[in-house]
């Protein structure tokens, strides 16, 4: 199976701009991003929810960039950089697609902002619901038993 947008020529900056335009069109009240070597983070607020997507970025030193896929020959530095840039562009296009699809599903009444973005909703400590829930779900599957109570504190009064 081929990877979505694996041959895209759309720059990462254009994808970021598209994400921001899409978010605004669907009612997001704020938008921001952070970019570093290992990941990019896209954040926004919509329907009074703070949402955060962490987009893992490929390591330019990985063999898939430094060597050719067919013969395993070492690529030139320029060719390796071009392959890495292509992988970055592909990931940004995929994120743009995911966000647009989620917002369109909400707009069409298929789902809600809360349901569609639940895993990416930011909690008061800065983590996301997905980051918080994954270990608890794994524990529940390992034990085979549902928890008898919520595993978080209730609101403080």
N, C-alpha and C. Protein backbone atom coordinates (compact mmCIF):
# COMPACT_ATOMS: atom_id res chain seq x y z
N UNK A 1 0.85 -1.17 0.00
CA UNK A 1 0.00 0.00 0.00
C UNK A 1 0.90 1.24 0.00
N UNK A 2 0.55 2.21 -0.81
CA UNK A 2 1.36 3.42 -0.85
C UNK A 2 0.93 4.39 0.25
N UNK A 3 1.86 5.17 0.68
CA UNK A 3 1.62 6.14 1.74
C UNK A 3 0.97 7.39 1.15
N UNK A 4 -0.05 7.92 1.84
CA UNK A 4 -0.73 9.13 1.39
C UNK A 4 0.27 10.26 1.20
N UNK A 5 0.16 10.96 0.08
CA UNK A 5 0.97 12.13 -0.24
C UNK A 5 2.46 11.84 -0.24
N UNK A 6 2.84 10.61 -0.55
CA UNK A 6 4.26 10.25 -0.51
C UNK A 6 5.09 10.99 -1.56
N UNK A 7 4.44 11.52 -2.57
CA UNK A 7 5.17 12.26 -3.61
C UNK A 7 4.74 13.72 -3.69
N UNK A 8 4.18 14.24 -2.62
CA UNK A 8 3.68 15.61 -2.63
C UNK A 8 4.81 16.62 -2.83
N UNK A 9 4.47 17.70 -3.51
CA UNK A 9 5.41 18.80 -3.66
C UNK A 9 5.01 19.99 -2.77
N UNK A 10 3.92 19.82 -2.00
CA UNK A 10 3.44 20.89 -1.13
C UNK A 10 4.40 21.03 0.05
N UNK A 11 4.89 22.22 0.26
CA UNK A 11 5.85 22.45 1.34
C UNK A 11 5.20 22.29 2.71
N UNK A 12 6.03 22.07 3.71
CA UNK A 12 5.50 21.97 5.08
C UNK A 12 4.86 23.29 5.49
N UNK A 13 5.42 24.41 5.07
CA UNK A 13 4.84 25.72 5.41
C UNK A 13 3.45 25.88 4.81
N UNK A 14 3.27 25.44 3.57
CA UNK A 14 1.94 25.52 2.95
C UNK A 14 0.95 24.60 3.66
N UNK A 15 1.39 23.44 4.09
CA UNK A 15 0.50 22.54 4.83
C UNK A 15 0.10 23.15 6.17
N UNK A 16 1.06 23.76 6.87
CA UNK A 16 0.75 24.45 8.14
C UNK A 16 -0.26 25.56 7.90
N UNK A 17 -0.04 26.34 6.85
CA UNK A 17 -0.98 27.42 6.52
C UNK A 17 -2.36 26.87 6.20
N UNK A 18 -2.40 25.77 5.48
CA UNK A 18 -3.69 25.14 5.16
C UNK A 18 -4.39 24.67 6.41
N UNK A 19 -3.65 24.08 7.33
CA UNK A 19 -4.24 23.64 8.60
C UNK A 19 -4.83 24.84 9.32
N UNK A 20 -4.09 25.93 9.40
CA UNK A 20 -4.60 27.12 10.09
C UNK A 20 -5.86 27.66 9.41
N UNK A 21 -5.85 27.75 8.08
CA UNK A 21 -7.04 28.23 7.36
C UNK A 21 -8.23 27.31 7.59
N UNK A 22 -8.00 26.01 7.58
CA UNK A 22 -9.06 25.03 7.83
C UNK A 22 -9.63 25.21 9.22
N UNK A 23 -8.75 25.34 10.21
CA UNK A 23 -9.19 25.52 11.59
C UNK A 23 -10.04 26.78 11.73
N UNK A 24 -9.61 27.85 11.14
CA UNK A 24 -10.38 29.10 11.23
C UNK A 24 -11.73 28.96 10.55
N UNK A 25 -11.75 28.30 9.39
CA UNK A 25 -13.00 28.10 8.65
C UNK A 25 -14.02 27.31 9.48
N UNK A 26 -13.54 26.38 10.29
CA UNK A 26 -14.44 25.57 11.10
C UNK A 26 -14.60 26.10 12.53
N UNK A 27 -14.12 27.31 12.80
CA UNK A 27 -14.42 27.96 14.06
C UNK A 27 -13.37 27.90 15.15
N UNK A 28 -12.16 27.48 14.84
CA UNK A 28 -11.12 27.50 15.86
C UNK A 28 -10.82 28.94 16.25
N UNK A 29 -10.61 29.16 17.54
CA UNK A 29 -10.41 30.50 18.07
C UNK A 29 -8.94 30.85 18.24
N UNK A 30 -8.07 29.89 18.20
CA UNK A 30 -6.64 30.12 18.38
C UNK A 30 -5.88 29.03 17.64
N UNK A 31 -4.64 29.34 17.29
CA UNK A 31 -3.82 28.39 16.55
C UNK A 31 -2.36 28.67 16.85
N UNK A 32 -1.56 27.62 16.96
CA UNK A 32 -0.13 27.80 17.13
C UNK A 32 0.59 26.51 16.79
N UNK A 33 1.88 26.63 16.53
CA UNK A 33 2.67 25.43 16.32
C UNK A 33 4.09 25.65 16.84
N UNK A 34 4.72 24.53 17.16
CA UNK A 34 6.10 24.51 17.61
C UNK A 34 6.79 23.45 16.77
N UNK A 35 7.98 23.74 16.34
CA UNK A 35 8.71 22.79 15.52
C UNK A 35 10.08 22.57 16.12
N UNK A 36 10.46 21.30 16.25
CA UNK A 36 11.80 20.95 16.69
C UNK A 36 12.25 19.73 15.90
N UNK A 37 13.44 19.26 16.13
CA UNK A 37 14.00 18.20 15.31
C UNK A 37 13.17 16.92 15.31
N UNK A 38 12.69 16.50 16.46
CA UNK A 38 12.01 15.21 16.55
C UNK A 38 10.51 15.26 16.37
N UNK A 39 9.92 16.44 16.49
CA UNK A 39 8.46 16.53 16.39
C UNK A 39 8.04 17.97 16.13
N UNK A 40 6.85 18.07 15.59
CA UNK A 40 6.18 19.36 15.49
C UNK A 40 4.90 19.23 16.30
N UNK A 41 4.44 20.31 16.86
CA UNK A 41 3.22 20.30 17.65
C UNK A 41 2.29 21.36 17.07
N UNK A 42 1.07 20.95 16.79
CA UNK A 42 0.03 21.88 16.34
C UNK A 42 -0.99 21.96 17.45
N UNK A 43 -1.31 23.18 17.86
CA UNK A 43 -2.27 23.38 18.95
C UNK A 43 -3.35 24.34 18.48
N UNK A 44 -4.56 24.13 18.97
CA UNK A 44 -5.63 25.06 18.66
C UNK A 44 -6.73 24.93 19.70
N UNK A 45 -7.61 25.91 19.72
CA UNK A 45 -8.77 25.90 20.62
C UNK A 45 -10.02 25.94 19.76
N UNK A 46 -10.92 25.01 20.04
CA UNK A 46 -12.18 24.93 19.32
C UNK A 46 -13.23 24.39 20.28
N UNK A 47 -14.42 24.96 20.23
CA UNK A 47 -15.52 24.54 21.11
C UNK A 47 -15.07 24.50 22.57
N UNK A 48 -14.32 25.49 22.99
CA UNK A 48 -13.81 25.63 24.36
C UNK A 48 -12.89 24.48 24.78
N UNK A 49 -12.33 23.79 23.82
CA UNK A 49 -11.38 22.70 24.10
C UNK A 49 -10.02 23.07 23.54
N UNK A 50 -8.98 22.78 24.29
CA UNK A 50 -7.61 22.98 23.81
C UNK A 50 -7.16 21.64 23.23
N UNK A 51 -6.72 21.67 21.99
CA UNK A 51 -6.36 20.46 21.27
C UNK A 51 -4.88 20.53 20.91
N UNK A 52 -4.19 19.37 20.99
CA UNK A 52 -2.77 19.31 20.66
C UNK A 52 -2.48 18.04 19.86
N UNK A 53 -1.92 18.23 18.67
CA UNK A 53 -1.44 17.12 17.86
C UNK A 53 0.08 17.16 17.88
N UNK A 54 0.69 16.04 18.21
CA UNK A 54 2.14 15.91 18.14
C UNK A 54 2.45 15.12 16.87
N UNK A 55 3.19 15.75 15.98
CA UNK A 55 3.53 15.14 14.70
C UNK A 55 4.99 14.69 14.77
N UNK A 56 5.22 13.38 14.94
CA UNK A 56 6.61 12.90 14.99
C UNK A 56 7.31 13.17 13.66
N UNK A 57 8.49 13.68 13.73
CA UNK A 57 9.26 13.96 12.53
C UNK A 57 10.33 12.88 12.35
N UNK A 58 10.62 12.55 11.09
CA UNK A 58 11.62 11.50 10.86
C UNK A 58 13.03 11.97 11.20
N UNK A 59 13.85 11.04 11.55
CA UNK A 59 15.26 11.31 11.86
C UNK A 59 16.03 11.28 10.54
N UNK A 60 16.67 12.38 10.16
CA UNK A 60 17.38 12.40 8.87
C UNK A 60 18.52 11.39 8.79
N UNK A 61 18.96 10.85 9.92
CA UNK A 61 20.04 9.86 9.93
C UNK A 61 19.54 8.44 9.70
N UNK A 62 18.21 8.25 9.62
CA UNK A 62 17.67 6.90 9.40
C UNK A 62 18.09 6.38 8.03
N UNK A 63 18.26 5.08 7.97
CA UNK A 63 18.72 4.42 6.75
C UNK A 63 17.81 4.70 5.54
N UNK A 64 16.51 4.83 5.77
CA UNK A 64 15.61 5.07 4.64
C UNK A 64 15.93 6.38 3.91
N UNK A 65 16.64 7.28 4.56
CA UNK A 65 17.04 8.54 3.93
C UNK A 65 18.49 8.51 3.45
N UNK A 66 19.34 7.80 4.16
CA UNK A 66 20.77 7.80 3.82
C UNK A 66 21.14 6.79 2.74
N UNK A 67 20.21 5.85 2.49
CA UNK A 67 20.49 4.80 1.50
C UNK A 67 19.31 4.65 0.55
N UNK A 68 19.60 4.17 -0.65
CA UNK A 68 18.52 3.95 -1.62
C UNK A 68 17.70 2.74 -1.21
N UNK A 69 16.39 2.74 -1.51
CA UNK A 69 15.55 1.63 -1.08
C UNK A 69 15.80 0.34 -1.86
N UNK A 70 16.19 0.42 -3.12
CA UNK A 70 16.30 -0.79 -3.92
C UNK A 70 17.64 -1.50 -3.75
N UNK A 71 18.74 -0.78 -3.91
CA UNK A 71 20.06 -1.42 -3.85
C UNK A 71 20.80 -1.16 -2.55
N UNK A 72 20.24 -0.34 -1.69
CA UNK A 72 20.88 -0.05 -0.42
C UNK A 72 22.17 0.74 -0.53
N UNK A 73 22.33 1.45 -1.65
CA UNK A 73 23.54 2.25 -1.83
C UNK A 73 23.42 3.56 -1.05
N UNK A 74 24.56 4.04 -0.60
CA UNK A 74 24.58 5.30 0.16
C UNK A 74 24.21 6.45 -0.78
N UNK A 75 23.29 7.30 -0.30
CA UNK A 75 22.89 8.48 -1.06
C UNK A 75 23.87 9.62 -0.81
N UNK A 76 23.89 10.55 -1.74
CA UNK A 76 24.65 11.77 -1.50
C UNK A 76 23.94 12.55 -0.39
N UNK A 77 24.64 13.49 0.22
CA UNK A 77 24.03 14.30 1.28
C UNK A 77 22.81 15.04 0.75
N UNK A 78 22.90 15.53 -0.49
CA UNK A 78 21.78 16.26 -1.09
C UNK A 78 20.58 15.34 -1.31
N UNK A 79 20.84 14.13 -1.80
CA UNK A 79 19.76 13.18 -2.05
C UNK A 79 19.12 12.71 -0.74
N UNK A 80 19.95 12.51 0.29
CA UNK A 80 19.43 12.11 1.59
C UNK A 80 18.55 13.21 2.17
N UNK A 81 19.00 14.45 2.04
CA UNK A 81 18.22 15.58 2.54
C UNK A 81 16.90 15.70 1.77
N UNK A 82 16.93 15.48 0.47
CA UNK A 82 15.71 15.55 -0.34
C UNK A 82 14.72 14.46 0.07
N UNK A 83 15.21 13.26 0.34
CA UNK A 83 14.33 12.16 0.77
C UNK A 83 13.72 12.47 2.14
N UNK A 84 14.52 13.03 3.03
CA UNK A 84 14.03 13.40 4.36
C UNK A 84 12.98 14.51 4.25
N UNK A 85 13.26 15.52 3.45
CA UNK A 85 12.29 16.62 3.24
C UNK A 85 10.97 16.07 2.70
N UNK A 86 11.05 15.12 1.79
CA UNK A 86 9.84 14.52 1.23
C UNK A 86 9.02 13.84 2.32
N UNK A 87 9.70 13.14 3.22
CA UNK A 87 9.00 12.47 4.32
C UNK A 87 8.35 13.49 5.25
N UNK A 88 9.01 14.61 5.48
CA UNK A 88 8.42 15.67 6.31
C UNK A 88 7.19 16.25 5.63
N UNK A 89 7.28 16.53 4.33
CA UNK A 89 6.13 17.06 3.60
C UNK A 89 4.96 16.09 3.64
N UNK A 90 5.24 14.81 3.50
CA UNK A 90 4.19 13.79 3.54
C UNK A 90 3.48 13.79 4.88
N UNK A 91 4.20 13.87 5.96
CA UNK A 91 3.58 13.86 7.29
C UNK A 91 2.69 15.08 7.52
N UNK A 92 3.17 16.25 7.07
CA UNK A 92 2.35 17.45 7.22
C UNK A 92 1.07 17.36 6.38
N UNK A 93 1.17 16.78 5.17
CA UNK A 93 -0.03 16.61 4.34
C UNK A 93 -1.01 15.67 5.03
N UNK A 94 -0.50 14.59 5.61
CA UNK A 94 -1.37 13.63 6.31
C UNK A 94 -2.06 14.30 7.49
N UNK A 95 -1.33 15.12 8.24
CA UNK A 95 -1.95 15.82 9.37
C UNK A 95 -3.03 16.78 8.89
N UNK A 96 -2.76 17.49 7.80
CA UNK A 96 -3.77 18.40 7.24
C UNK A 96 -5.02 17.63 6.87
N UNK A 97 -4.84 16.46 6.28
CA UNK A 97 -5.99 15.62 5.90
C UNK A 97 -6.78 15.16 7.11
N UNK A 98 -6.09 14.70 8.13
CA UNK A 98 -6.76 14.21 9.35
C UNK A 98 -7.58 15.31 10.01
N UNK A 99 -6.98 16.47 10.18
CA UNK A 99 -7.69 17.57 10.84
C UNK A 99 -8.89 18.00 10.01
N UNK A 100 -8.72 18.13 8.71
CA UNK A 100 -9.84 18.53 7.85
C UNK A 100 -10.96 17.49 7.89
N UNK A 101 -10.61 16.21 7.84
CA UNK A 101 -11.63 15.16 7.87
C UNK A 101 -12.40 15.17 9.19
N UNK A 102 -11.70 15.34 10.30
CA UNK A 102 -12.36 15.38 11.60
C UNK A 102 -13.33 16.57 11.69
N UNK A 103 -12.87 17.73 11.23
CA UNK A 103 -13.73 18.92 11.30
C UNK A 103 -14.92 18.81 10.36
N UNK A 104 -14.74 18.22 9.21
CA UNK A 104 -15.86 18.04 8.28
C UNK A 104 -16.87 17.04 8.85
N UNK A 105 -16.40 16.00 9.51
CA UNK A 105 -17.30 15.04 10.14
C UNK A 105 -18.12 15.71 11.24
N UNK A 106 -17.50 16.61 11.98
CA UNK A 106 -18.23 17.37 13.01
C UNK A 106 -19.26 18.28 12.35
N UNK A 107 -18.84 19.00 11.32
CA UNK A 107 -19.73 19.93 10.60
C UNK A 107 -20.93 19.20 10.01
N UNK A 108 -20.71 17.98 9.52
CA UNK A 108 -21.79 17.20 8.90
C UNK A 108 -22.71 16.54 9.93
N UNK A 109 -22.38 16.67 11.21
CA UNK A 109 -23.22 16.07 12.25
C UNK A 109 -22.97 14.59 12.47
N UNK A 110 -21.89 14.08 11.92
CA UNK A 110 -21.57 12.66 12.07
C UNK A 110 -21.03 12.37 13.47
N UNK A 111 -20.32 13.33 14.02
CA UNK A 111 -19.68 13.18 15.32
C UNK A 111 -19.61 14.55 15.99
N UNK A 112 -18.95 14.64 17.11
CA UNK A 112 -18.82 15.90 17.83
C UNK A 112 -17.34 16.26 17.99
N UNK A 113 -17.08 17.53 18.29
CA UNK A 113 -15.70 17.95 18.56
C UNK A 113 -15.12 17.11 19.68
N UNK A 114 -15.90 16.91 20.75
CA UNK A 114 -15.41 16.15 21.90
C UNK A 114 -15.03 14.73 21.51
N UNK A 115 -15.89 14.06 20.74
CA UNK A 115 -15.58 12.69 20.35
C UNK A 115 -14.43 12.62 19.35
N UNK A 116 -14.43 13.50 18.38
CA UNK A 116 -13.44 13.44 17.32
C UNK A 116 -12.04 13.79 17.80
N UNK A 117 -11.93 14.71 18.75
CA UNK A 117 -10.62 15.17 19.20
C UNK A 117 -10.30 14.72 20.63
N UNK A 118 -11.01 13.74 21.15
CA UNK A 118 -10.85 13.32 22.55
C UNK A 118 -9.40 12.99 22.90
N UNK A 119 -8.75 12.16 22.11
CA UNK A 119 -7.39 11.74 22.44
C UNK A 119 -6.41 12.91 22.43
N UNK A 120 -6.74 13.99 21.73
CA UNK A 120 -5.84 15.13 21.58
C UNK A 120 -6.24 16.32 22.45
N UNK A 121 -7.27 16.14 23.29
CA UNK A 121 -7.71 17.21 24.18
C UNK A 121 -6.69 17.37 25.31
N UNK A 122 -6.29 18.61 25.55
CA UNK A 122 -5.27 18.90 26.55
C UNK A 122 -5.90 18.96 27.94
N UNK A 123 -5.27 18.26 28.87
CA UNK A 123 -5.70 18.26 30.27
C UNK A 123 -4.99 19.38 31.03
N UNK A 124 -5.44 19.70 32.23
CA UNK A 124 -4.83 20.80 32.99
C UNK A 124 -3.33 20.69 33.20
N UNK A 125 -2.77 19.47 33.21
CA UNK A 125 -1.33 19.33 33.42
C UNK A 125 -0.52 19.43 32.12
N UNK A 126 -1.20 19.66 30.99
CA UNK A 126 -0.52 19.79 29.71
C UNK A 126 -0.46 18.51 28.91
N UNK A 127 -0.76 17.39 29.53
CA UNK A 127 -0.81 16.14 28.78
C UNK A 127 -2.14 16.06 28.03
N UNK A 128 -2.25 15.09 27.15
CA UNK A 128 -3.51 14.90 26.43
C UNK A 128 -4.28 13.74 27.04
N UNK A 129 -5.56 13.67 26.73
CA UNK A 129 -6.38 12.55 27.21
C UNK A 129 -5.77 11.24 26.73
N UNK A 130 -5.30 11.20 25.48
CA UNK A 130 -4.69 9.99 24.95
C UNK A 130 -3.46 9.57 25.74
N UNK A 131 -2.59 10.52 26.05
CA UNK A 131 -1.39 10.22 26.83
C UNK A 131 -1.76 9.71 28.22
N UNK A 132 -2.80 10.28 28.81
CA UNK A 132 -3.24 9.88 30.13
C UNK A 132 -3.90 8.50 30.10
N UNK A 133 -4.71 8.25 29.08
CA UNK A 133 -5.53 7.04 29.06
C UNK A 133 -4.79 5.79 28.58
N UNK A 134 -3.83 5.92 27.70
CA UNK A 134 -3.17 4.74 27.13
C UNK A 134 -2.64 3.77 28.18
N UNK A 135 -1.90 4.23 29.20
CA UNK A 135 -1.42 3.28 30.20
C UNK A 135 -2.55 2.64 31.00
N UNK A 136 -3.60 3.41 31.23
CA UNK A 136 -4.73 2.87 31.98
C UNK A 136 -5.49 1.82 31.17
N UNK A 137 -5.62 2.06 29.88
CA UNK A 137 -6.27 1.07 29.01
C UNK A 137 -5.43 -0.20 28.96
N UNK A 138 -4.12 -0.05 28.82
CA UNK A 138 -3.23 -1.22 28.80
C UNK A 138 -3.36 -2.02 30.08
N UNK A 139 -3.41 -1.33 31.22
CA UNK A 139 -3.56 -2.00 32.51
C UNK A 139 -4.89 -2.75 32.58
N UNK A 140 -5.94 -2.13 32.10
CA UNK A 140 -7.26 -2.77 32.10
C UNK A 140 -7.25 -4.03 31.24
N UNK A 141 -6.63 -3.98 30.07
CA UNK A 141 -6.55 -5.16 29.21
C UNK A 141 -5.72 -6.26 29.85
N UNK A 142 -4.58 -5.88 30.49
CA UNK A 142 -3.74 -6.88 31.15
C UNK A 142 -4.48 -7.56 32.29
N UNK A 143 -5.21 -6.78 33.07
CA UNK A 143 -5.91 -7.35 34.24
C UNK A 143 -7.20 -8.05 33.84
N UNK A 144 -7.76 -7.64 32.70
CA UNK A 144 -9.02 -8.25 32.27
C UNK A 144 -10.23 -7.75 33.03
N UNK A 145 -10.04 -6.72 33.84
CA UNK A 145 -11.15 -6.22 34.66
C UNK A 145 -11.31 -4.72 34.44
N UNK A 146 -12.56 -4.31 34.44
CA UNK A 146 -12.85 -2.88 34.37
C UNK A 146 -12.54 -2.25 35.72
N UNK A 147 -12.07 -1.01 35.72
CA UNK A 147 -11.84 -0.35 37.01
C UNK A 147 -13.18 -0.12 37.71
N UNK A 148 -13.16 -0.19 39.03
CA UNK A 148 -14.41 0.00 39.77
C UNK A 148 -14.70 1.49 40.03
N UNK A 149 -13.76 2.35 39.67
CA UNK A 149 -13.98 3.78 39.79
C UNK A 149 -13.10 4.49 38.79
N UNK A 150 -13.37 5.75 38.57
CA UNK A 150 -12.52 6.53 37.69
C UNK A 150 -11.13 6.63 38.28
N UNK A 151 -10.14 6.62 37.44
CA UNK A 151 -8.76 6.64 37.91
C UNK A 151 -8.19 8.05 37.97
N UNK A 152 -9.05 9.04 38.03
CA UNK A 152 -8.59 10.42 38.17
C UNK A 152 -9.31 11.06 39.33
N UNK A 153 -8.74 12.13 39.84
CA UNK A 153 -9.39 12.85 40.91
C UNK A 153 -10.58 13.61 40.37
N UNK A 154 -11.58 13.81 41.20
CA UNK A 154 -12.71 14.63 40.83
C UNK A 154 -12.36 16.10 40.93
N UNK A 155 -13.28 16.96 40.57
CA UNK A 155 -12.99 18.39 40.66
C UNK A 155 -12.74 18.83 42.09
N UNK A 156 -11.80 19.75 42.26
CA UNK A 156 -11.50 20.28 43.59
C UNK A 156 -12.41 21.46 43.85
N UNK A 157 -13.00 21.46 45.02
CA UNK A 157 -13.93 22.54 45.36
C UNK A 157 -13.34 23.50 46.33
